[in-house]
Amino acid sequence: MTELVIRRLRRARERGAERGSGALALILAAMLFLVMAGFVIDTGRAIHEREKAADVAEQAARFAANQISAADLRNGQVVIDVAGCTGHVQDFVRASGISGGDVGAARCSAAGGNQVTVEVRLTYTPLLLPAFNGGLTVWGRATAQAVQEQ
């Protein structure tokens, strides 16, 4: 009988060594789930910010294309105000609700004649995966052309 008791005590000791392993597996699975969720959410947010930058760039290019030289228009030519192009783009970006260094980064990358190309930068911080403490940057680029309707 003592041999039976000793065997049962050994089995109980061996089973006790495995205690908590289910909790450890659950904790690891939860951490993996959080990383995956963060990846999905932050990737979706990056796509959204890139689309927003492209949209703001399109609208800013249209705005800059509307800033034409009045003197040239009197002579029958549609010419974009090249000298003030970046200022017009930055004014539009600021009015769009974008602030900080992103306003200063907005610019006319090419302007001449009746065509203008605009670049807009947006900086954002990931929500769940803050590995990028300085924030991530996306760019939007668009071209618009001013035409004279007859």
N, C-alpha and C. Protein backbone atom coordinates (compact mmCIF):
# COMPACT_ATOMS: atom_id res chain seq x y z
N MET A 1 0.81 -1.18 0.00
CA MET A 1 0.00 0.00 0.00
C MET A 1 0.86 1.26 0.00
N THR A 2 1.94 1.25 0.69
CA THR A 2 2.80 2.42 0.67
C THR A 2 3.37 2.67 -0.72
N GLU A 3 3.58 1.58 -1.45
CA GLU A 3 4.07 1.74 -2.82
C GLU A 3 3.03 2.45 -3.68
N LEU A 4 1.75 2.14 -3.46
CA LEU A 4 0.67 2.80 -4.19
C LEU A 4 0.60 4.28 -3.85
N VAL A 5 0.78 4.61 -2.60
CA VAL A 5 0.76 6.01 -2.16
C VAL A 5 1.94 6.76 -2.75
N ILE A 6 3.11 6.13 -2.78
CA ILE A 6 4.29 6.78 -3.34
C ILE A 6 4.10 7.06 -4.83
N ARG A 7 3.53 6.08 -5.55
CA ARG A 7 3.27 6.29 -6.99
C ARG A 7 2.30 7.44 -7.22
N ARG A 8 1.26 7.51 -6.41
CA ARG A 8 0.27 8.58 -6.57
C ARG A 8 0.89 9.95 -6.25
N LEU A 9 1.75 9.99 -5.27
CA LEU A 9 2.43 11.25 -4.94
C LEU A 9 3.34 11.69 -6.08
N ARG A 10 4.05 10.73 -6.69
CA ARG A 10 4.91 11.07 -7.84
C ARG A 10 4.09 11.60 -9.00
N ARG A 11 2.96 10.93 -9.28
CA ARG A 11 2.10 11.40 -10.37
C ARG A 11 1.57 12.81 -10.09
N ALA A 12 1.18 13.06 -8.88
CA ALA A 12 0.68 14.38 -8.52
C ALA A 12 1.77 15.44 -8.67
N ARG A 13 3.00 15.07 -8.26
CA ARG A 13 4.12 15.99 -8.43
C ARG A 13 4.39 16.27 -9.91
N GLU A 14 4.35 15.22 -10.73
CA GLU A 14 4.59 15.39 -12.17
C GLU A 14 3.52 16.25 -12.81
N ARG A 15 2.28 16.05 -12.42
CA ARG A 15 1.20 16.88 -12.96
C ARG A 15 1.34 18.33 -12.49
N GLY A 16 1.80 18.55 -11.33
CA GLY A 16 1.99 19.89 -10.81
C GLY A 16 3.05 20.66 -11.58
N ALA A 17 4.00 19.97 -12.18
CA ALA A 17 5.04 20.63 -12.97
C ALA A 17 4.47 21.27 -14.22
N GLU A 18 3.34 20.78 -14.67
CA GLU A 18 2.72 21.32 -15.89
C GLU A 18 1.71 22.41 -15.57
N ARG A 19 1.51 22.69 -14.34
CA ARG A 19 0.54 23.72 -13.97
C ARG A 19 0.99 25.07 -14.49
N GLY A 20 0.04 25.84 -15.06
CA GLY A 20 0.34 27.17 -15.57
C GLY A 20 0.78 27.18 -17.02
N SER A 21 1.03 26.02 -17.61
CA SER A 21 1.47 26.02 -19.01
C SER A 21 0.33 26.46 -19.93
N GLY A 22 -0.90 26.18 -19.55
CA GLY A 22 -2.04 26.65 -20.35
C GLY A 22 -2.14 28.17 -20.30
N ALA A 23 -1.88 28.76 -19.14
CA ALA A 23 -1.91 30.21 -19.01
C ALA A 23 -0.81 30.85 -19.85
N LEU A 24 0.36 30.24 -19.86
CA LEU A 24 1.46 30.75 -20.67
C LEU A 24 1.11 30.71 -22.15
N ALA A 25 0.51 29.62 -22.59
CA ALA A 25 0.09 29.51 -24.00
C ALA A 25 -0.97 30.57 -24.33
N LEU A 26 -1.88 30.81 -23.40
CA LEU A 26 -2.91 31.82 -23.61
C LEU A 26 -2.31 33.22 -23.69
N ILE A 27 -1.35 33.53 -22.86
CA ILE A 27 -0.68 34.83 -22.88
C ILE A 27 0.06 35.04 -24.20
N LEU A 28 0.78 33.99 -24.63
CA LEU A 28 1.50 34.10 -25.91
C LEU A 28 0.54 34.27 -27.08
N ALA A 29 -0.59 33.56 -27.07
CA ALA A 29 -1.59 33.69 -28.14
C ALA A 29 -2.19 35.09 -28.13
N ALA A 30 -2.45 35.65 -26.95
CA ALA A 30 -3.01 37.00 -26.85
C ALA A 30 -2.02 38.04 -27.39
N MET A 31 -0.74 37.86 -27.07
CA MET A 31 0.27 38.79 -27.58
C MET A 31 0.36 38.70 -29.10
N LEU A 32 0.33 37.50 -29.64
CA LEU A 32 0.35 37.33 -31.09
C LEU A 32 -0.87 37.96 -31.73
N PHE A 33 -2.03 37.80 -31.11
CA PHE A 33 -3.25 38.42 -31.62
C PHE A 33 -3.14 39.94 -31.64
N LEU A 34 -2.59 40.53 -30.57
CA LEU A 34 -2.44 41.98 -30.52
C LEU A 34 -1.48 42.49 -31.60
N VAL A 35 -0.41 41.77 -31.83
CA VAL A 35 0.53 42.17 -32.88
C VAL A 35 -0.14 42.10 -34.25
N MET A 36 -0.87 41.03 -34.49
CA MET A 36 -1.57 40.89 -35.78
C MET A 36 -2.63 41.98 -35.95
N ALA A 37 -3.38 42.25 -34.89
CA ALA A 37 -4.40 43.30 -34.96
C ALA A 37 -3.75 44.65 -35.21
N GLY A 38 -2.65 44.91 -34.54
CA GLY A 38 -1.93 46.17 -34.75
C GLY A 38 -1.44 46.30 -36.17
N PHE A 39 -0.94 45.22 -36.72
CA PHE A 39 -0.47 45.24 -38.11
C PHE A 39 -1.61 45.55 -39.07
N VAL A 40 -2.75 44.90 -38.88
CA VAL A 40 -3.90 45.12 -39.76
C VAL A 40 -4.42 46.55 -39.64
N ILE A 41 -4.57 47.02 -38.42
CA ILE A 41 -5.11 48.37 -38.20
C ILE A 41 -4.14 49.43 -38.72
N ASP A 42 -2.87 49.30 -38.41
CA ASP A 42 -1.89 50.30 -38.84
C ASP A 42 -1.67 50.27 -40.35
N THR A 43 -1.76 49.11 -40.98
CA THR A 43 -1.65 49.04 -42.43
C THR A 43 -2.85 49.72 -43.08
N GLY A 44 -4.02 49.49 -42.54
CA GLY A 44 -5.22 50.18 -43.06
C GLY A 44 -5.12 51.68 -42.88
N ARG A 45 -4.59 52.10 -41.76
CA ARG A 45 -4.43 53.53 -41.52
C ARG A 45 -3.40 54.14 -42.48
N ALA A 46 -2.34 53.40 -42.79
CA ALA A 46 -1.34 53.89 -43.74
C ALA A 46 -1.96 54.07 -45.12
N ILE A 47 -2.79 53.12 -45.52
CA ILE A 47 -3.48 53.24 -46.81
C ILE A 47 -4.40 54.46 -46.80
N HIS A 48 -5.12 54.64 -45.71
CA HIS A 48 -6.03 55.79 -45.61
C HIS A 48 -5.26 57.11 -45.68
N GLU A 49 -4.15 57.21 -44.97
CA GLU A 49 -3.36 58.44 -44.98
C GLU A 49 -2.77 58.71 -46.37
N ARG A 50 -2.37 57.67 -47.08
CA ARG A 50 -1.84 57.84 -48.43
C ARG A 50 -2.93 58.36 -49.37
N GLU A 51 -4.13 57.81 -49.24
CA GLU A 51 -5.25 58.29 -50.05
C GLU A 51 -5.61 59.73 -49.70
N LYS A 52 -5.55 60.07 -48.43
CA LYS A 52 -5.83 61.44 -47.99
C LYS A 52 -4.80 62.40 -48.57
N ALA A 53 -3.52 62.00 -48.54
CA ALA A 53 -2.46 62.85 -49.11
C ALA A 53 -2.67 63.06 -50.60
N ALA A 54 -3.05 62.00 -51.31
CA ALA A 54 -3.30 62.12 -52.75
C ALA A 54 -4.50 63.03 -53.02
N ASP A 55 -5.54 62.91 -52.20
CA ASP A 55 -6.72 63.75 -52.37
C ASP A 55 -6.40 65.22 -52.13
N VAL A 56 -5.69 65.50 -51.05
CA VAL A 56 -5.32 66.88 -50.75
C VAL A 56 -4.41 67.44 -51.85
N ALA A 57 -3.51 66.61 -52.38
CA ALA A 57 -2.63 67.05 -53.46
C ALA A 57 -3.43 67.38 -54.71
N GLU A 58 -4.44 66.56 -55.03
CA GLU A 58 -5.28 66.84 -56.21
C GLU A 58 -6.01 68.17 -56.05
N GLN A 59 -6.60 68.36 -54.87
CA GLN A 59 -7.35 69.61 -54.65
C GLN A 59 -6.40 70.81 -54.62
N ALA A 60 -5.23 70.66 -54.03
CA ALA A 60 -4.26 71.77 -54.00
C ALA A 60 -3.75 72.08 -55.40
N ALA A 61 -3.59 71.07 -56.24
CA ALA A 61 -3.16 71.31 -57.63
C ALA A 61 -4.24 72.08 -58.39
N ARG A 62 -5.49 71.72 -58.18
CA ARG A 62 -6.59 72.46 -58.83
C ARG A 62 -6.62 73.90 -58.34
N PHE A 63 -6.42 74.07 -57.02
CA PHE A 63 -6.41 75.43 -56.46
C PHE A 63 -5.27 76.25 -57.05
N ALA A 64 -4.08 75.65 -57.15
CA ALA A 64 -2.93 76.37 -57.71
C ALA A 64 -3.12 76.66 -59.19
N ALA A 65 -3.78 75.75 -59.89
CA ALA A 65 -4.03 75.96 -61.32
C ALA A 65 -5.02 77.09 -61.55
N ASN A 66 -5.86 77.38 -60.56
CA ASN A 66 -6.80 78.49 -60.68
C ASN A 66 -6.16 79.84 -60.43
N GLN A 67 -4.96 79.85 -59.88
CA GLN A 67 -4.25 81.11 -59.61
C GLN A 67 -3.46 81.48 -60.86
N ILE A 68 -4.13 82.15 -61.78
CA ILE A 68 -3.51 82.46 -63.06
C ILE A 68 -3.13 83.93 -63.12
N SER A 69 -2.23 84.24 -64.02
CA SER A 69 -1.76 85.61 -64.21
C SER A 69 -2.84 86.40 -64.95
N ALA A 70 -3.31 87.47 -64.32
CA ALA A 70 -4.36 88.29 -64.93
C ALA A 70 -3.85 89.00 -66.18
N ALA A 71 -2.60 89.46 -66.15
CA ALA A 71 -2.04 90.16 -67.31
C ALA A 71 -1.97 89.24 -68.53
N ASP A 72 -1.53 88.01 -68.32
CA ASP A 72 -1.46 87.06 -69.43
C ASP A 72 -2.85 86.66 -69.92
N LEU A 73 -3.81 86.59 -69.00
CA LEU A 73 -5.17 86.25 -69.39
C LEU A 73 -5.76 87.34 -70.28
N ARG A 74 -5.41 88.60 -70.03
CA ARG A 74 -5.89 89.70 -70.88
C ARG A 74 -5.32 89.58 -72.30
N ASN A 75 -4.15 88.98 -72.41
CA ASN A 75 -3.53 88.77 -73.73
C ASN A 75 -3.99 87.47 -74.37
N GLY A 76 -4.93 86.77 -73.73
CA GLY A 76 -5.45 85.54 -74.32
C GLY A 76 -4.68 84.29 -73.95
N GLN A 77 -3.79 84.36 -72.98
CA GLN A 77 -3.02 83.18 -72.58
C GLN A 77 -3.36 82.81 -71.13
N VAL A 78 -3.40 81.51 -70.88
CA VAL A 78 -3.63 81.02 -69.52
C VAL A 78 -2.27 80.60 -68.96
N VAL A 79 -1.76 81.39 -68.00
CA VAL A 79 -0.45 81.13 -67.42
C VAL A 79 -0.60 81.11 -65.90
N ILE A 80 -0.13 80.05 -65.28
CA ILE A 80 -0.22 79.89 -63.83
C ILE A 80 0.81 80.80 -63.15
N ASP A 81 0.42 81.35 -62.00
CA ASP A 81 1.31 82.19 -61.19
C ASP A 81 2.39 81.31 -60.57
N VAL A 82 3.53 81.18 -61.25
CA VAL A 82 4.62 80.30 -60.82
C VAL A 82 5.26 80.82 -59.54
N ALA A 83 5.42 82.12 -59.43
CA ALA A 83 6.11 82.70 -58.28
C ALA A 83 5.37 82.43 -56.97
N GLY A 84 4.07 82.47 -57.01
CA GLY A 84 3.28 82.26 -55.79
C GLY A 84 2.69 80.88 -55.66
N CYS A 85 3.11 79.97 -56.51
CA CYS A 85 2.50 78.63 -56.54
C CYS A 85 2.63 77.90 -55.20
N THR A 86 3.82 77.82 -54.66
CA THR A 86 4.02 77.09 -53.41
C THR A 86 3.25 77.76 -52.27
N GLY A 87 3.21 79.06 -52.24
CA GLY A 87 2.44 79.77 -51.22
C GLY A 87 0.95 79.46 -51.32
N HIS A 88 0.43 79.39 -52.54
CA HIS A 88 -0.99 79.06 -52.73
C HIS A 88 -1.26 77.63 -52.26
N VAL A 89 -0.35 76.72 -52.59
CA VAL A 89 -0.52 75.32 -52.19
C VAL A 89 -0.49 75.20 -50.67
N GLN A 90 0.44 75.89 -50.03
CA GLN A 90 0.54 75.82 -48.57
C GLN A 90 -0.69 76.44 -47.91
N ASP A 91 -1.23 77.51 -48.48
CA ASP A 91 -2.46 78.09 -47.95
C ASP A 91 -3.61 77.09 -48.04
N PHE A 92 -3.71 76.39 -49.16
CA PHE A 92 -4.78 75.41 -49.32
C PHE A 92 -4.61 74.25 -48.34
N VAL A 93 -3.39 73.76 -48.20
CA VAL A 93 -3.13 72.64 -47.29
C VAL A 93 -3.46 73.03 -45.86
N ARG A 94 -3.11 74.24 -45.46
CA ARG A 94 -3.43 74.73 -44.12
C ARG A 94 -4.94 74.82 -43.94
N ALA A 95 -5.65 75.31 -44.96
CA ALA A 95 -7.10 75.43 -44.89
C ALA A 95 -7.77 74.06 -44.88
N SER A 96 -7.07 73.03 -45.34
CA SER A 96 -7.62 71.67 -45.35
C SER A 96 -7.55 71.00 -43.99
N GLY A 97 -6.95 71.66 -43.02
CA GLY A 97 -6.88 71.11 -41.67
C GLY A 97 -5.57 70.42 -41.35
N ILE A 98 -4.62 70.46 -42.26
CA ILE A 98 -3.31 69.87 -42.02
C ILE A 98 -2.45 70.93 -41.34
N SER A 99 -1.63 70.50 -40.39
CA SER A 99 -0.85 71.49 -39.64
C SER A 99 0.58 71.02 -39.48
N GLY A 100 1.36 71.83 -38.80
CA GLY A 100 2.74 71.49 -38.48
C GLY A 100 3.67 71.55 -39.67
N GLY A 101 4.66 70.70 -39.63
CA GLY A 101 5.68 70.68 -40.68
C GLY A 101 5.15 70.20 -42.02
N ASP A 102 3.99 69.54 -42.02
CA ASP A 102 3.42 69.07 -43.28
C ASP A 102 2.99 70.23 -44.17
N VAL A 103 2.58 71.35 -43.56
CA VAL A 103 2.21 72.52 -44.36
C VAL A 103 3.45 73.07 -45.06
N GLY A 104 4.55 73.17 -44.34
CA GLY A 104 5.78 73.68 -44.92
C GLY A 104 6.37 72.77 -45.98
N ALA A 105 6.03 71.47 -45.91
CA ALA A 105 6.56 70.51 -46.90
C ALA A 105 5.75 70.51 -48.19
N ALA A 106 4.53 71.03 -48.15
CA ALA A 106 3.71 71.09 -49.36
C ALA A 106 4.33 72.07 -50.34
N ARG A 107 4.39 71.68 -51.60
CA ARG A 107 5.06 72.56 -52.57
C ARG A 107 4.63 72.25 -53.99
N CYS A 108 4.94 73.19 -54.85
CA CYS A 108 4.81 72.97 -56.28
C CYS A 108 6.13 72.37 -56.75
N SER A 109 6.11 71.14 -57.20
CA SER A 109 7.35 70.52 -57.65
C SER A 109 7.66 70.91 -59.09
N ALA A 110 6.63 71.28 -59.84
CA ALA A 110 6.83 71.74 -61.22
C ALA A 110 5.67 72.64 -61.58
N ALA A 111 5.98 73.78 -62.13
CA ALA A 111 4.94 74.71 -62.57
C ALA A 111 5.47 75.47 -63.76
N GLY A 112 4.66 75.57 -64.74
CA GLY A 112 5.05 76.31 -65.93
C GLY A 112 3.93 76.31 -66.94
N GLY A 113 3.79 77.42 -67.61
CA GLY A 113 2.71 77.53 -68.60
C GLY A 113 1.38 77.41 -67.92
N ASN A 114 0.60 76.44 -68.36
CA ASN A 114 -0.72 76.27 -67.77
C ASN A 114 -0.83 74.97 -66.96
N GLN A 115 0.31 74.42 -66.56
CA GLN A 115 0.29 73.15 -65.83
C GLN A 115 1.09 73.28 -64.53
N VAL A 116 0.59 72.60 -63.48
CA VAL A 116 1.24 72.64 -62.17
C VAL A 116 1.22 71.23 -61.56
N THR A 117 2.33 70.85 -60.93
CA THR A 117 2.43 69.58 -60.20
C THR A 117 2.69 69.89 -58.74
N VAL A 118 1.91 69.27 -57.87
CA VAL A 118 1.94 69.57 -56.44
C VAL A 118 2.30 68.31 -55.67
N GLU A 119 3.08 68.46 -54.61
CA GLU A 119 3.41 67.37 -53.69
C GLU A 119 2.98 67.77 -52.28
N VAL A 120 2.30 66.84 -51.60
CA VAL A 120 1.81 67.07 -50.25
C VAL A 120 2.29 65.92 -49.37
N ARG A 121 2.81 66.27 -48.19
CA ARG A 121 3.29 65.27 -47.23
C ARG A 121 2.35 65.21 -46.04
N LEU A 122 2.08 64.00 -45.57
CA LEU A 122 1.34 63.80 -44.32
C LEU A 122 2.17 62.90 -43.41
N THR A 123 2.28 63.29 -42.16
CA THR A 123 2.99 62.50 -41.15
C THR A 123 1.97 62.04 -40.13
N TYR A 124 2.03 60.75 -39.78
CA TYR A 124 1.10 60.22 -38.79
C TYR A 124 1.83 59.22 -37.90
N THR A 125 1.26 58.96 -36.74
CA THR A 125 1.83 58.02 -35.78
C THR A 125 0.95 56.77 -35.76
N PRO A 126 1.55 55.59 -35.90
CA PRO A 126 0.77 54.36 -35.83
C PRO A 126 0.03 54.24 -34.49
N LEU A 127 -1.15 53.64 -34.51
CA LEU A 127 -1.95 53.54 -33.30
C LEU A 127 -1.49 52.43 -32.36
N LEU A 128 -1.31 51.23 -32.88
CA LEU A 128 -1.03 50.10 -32.01
C LEU A 128 0.41 49.63 -32.03
N LEU A 129 1.13 49.94 -33.07
CA LEU A 129 2.52 49.51 -33.15
C LEU A 129 3.43 50.74 -33.14
N PRO A 130 3.68 51.29 -31.98
CA PRO A 130 4.46 52.54 -31.91
C PRO A 130 5.96 52.32 -32.09
N ALA A 131 6.35 51.40 -32.94
CA ALA A 131 7.77 51.17 -33.18
C ALA A 131 8.38 52.34 -33.93
N PHE A 132 7.55 53.12 -34.60
CA PHE A 132 8.02 54.26 -35.37
C PHE A 132 7.69 55.52 -34.58
N ASN A 133 8.46 55.82 -33.55
CA ASN A 133 8.15 56.92 -32.65
C ASN A 133 8.12 58.27 -33.35
N GLY A 134 8.94 58.45 -34.37
CA GLY A 134 8.97 59.72 -35.08
C GLY A 134 7.79 59.89 -36.02
N GLY A 135 7.01 58.87 -36.22
CA GLY A 135 5.89 58.92 -37.14
C GLY A 135 6.28 58.43 -38.51
N LEU A 136 5.29 58.09 -39.27
CA LEU A 136 5.49 57.63 -40.64
C LEU A 136 5.05 58.74 -41.59
N THR A 137 5.64 58.77 -42.77
CA THR A 137 5.37 59.82 -43.74
C THR A 137 4.85 59.21 -45.03
N VAL A 138 3.79 59.82 -45.56
CA VAL A 138 3.27 59.45 -46.87
C VAL A 138 3.20 60.70 -47.73
N TRP A 139 3.31 60.52 -49.03
CA TRP A 139 3.28 61.65 -49.97
C TRP A 139 2.14 61.48 -50.95
N GLY A 140 1.57 62.60 -51.34
CA GLY A 140 0.59 62.63 -52.41
C GLY A 140 1.09 63.57 -53.48
N ARG A 141 0.89 63.19 -54.73
CA ARG A 141 1.37 64.01 -55.85
C ARG A 141 0.26 64.08 -56.90
N ALA A 142 0.04 65.27 -57.43
CA ALA A 142 -1.00 65.46 -58.45
C ALA A 142 -0.63 66.57 -59.39
N THR A 143 -1.17 66.50 -60.58
CA THR A 143 -0.94 67.50 -61.62
C THR A 143 -2.29 68.04 -62.07
N ALA A 144 -2.35 69.35 -62.27
CA ALA A 144 -3.57 69.98 -62.78
C ALA A 144 -3.17 70.95 -63.90
N GLN A 145 -4.14 71.20 -64.76
CA GLN A 145 -3.90 72.07 -65.91
C GLN A 145 -5.00 73.10 -65.97
N ALA A 146 -4.60 74.35 -66.14
CA ALA A 146 -5.56 75.44 -66.29
C ALA A 146 -5.88 75.59 -67.77
N VAL A 147 -7.17 75.66 -68.08
CA VAL A 147 -7.58 75.84 -69.47
C VAL A 147 -8.56 76.99 -69.55
N GLN A 148 -8.58 77.61 -70.70
CA GLN A 148 -9.50 78.72 -70.93
C GLN A 148 -10.67 78.19 -71.73
N GLU A 149 -11.86 78.33 -71.14
CA GLU A 149 -13.05 77.87 -71.84
C GLU A 149 -13.46 78.93 -72.85
N GLN A 150 -13.88 78.48 -73.97
CA GLN A 150 -14.29 79.39 -75.05
C GLN A 150 -15.80 79.53 -75.08
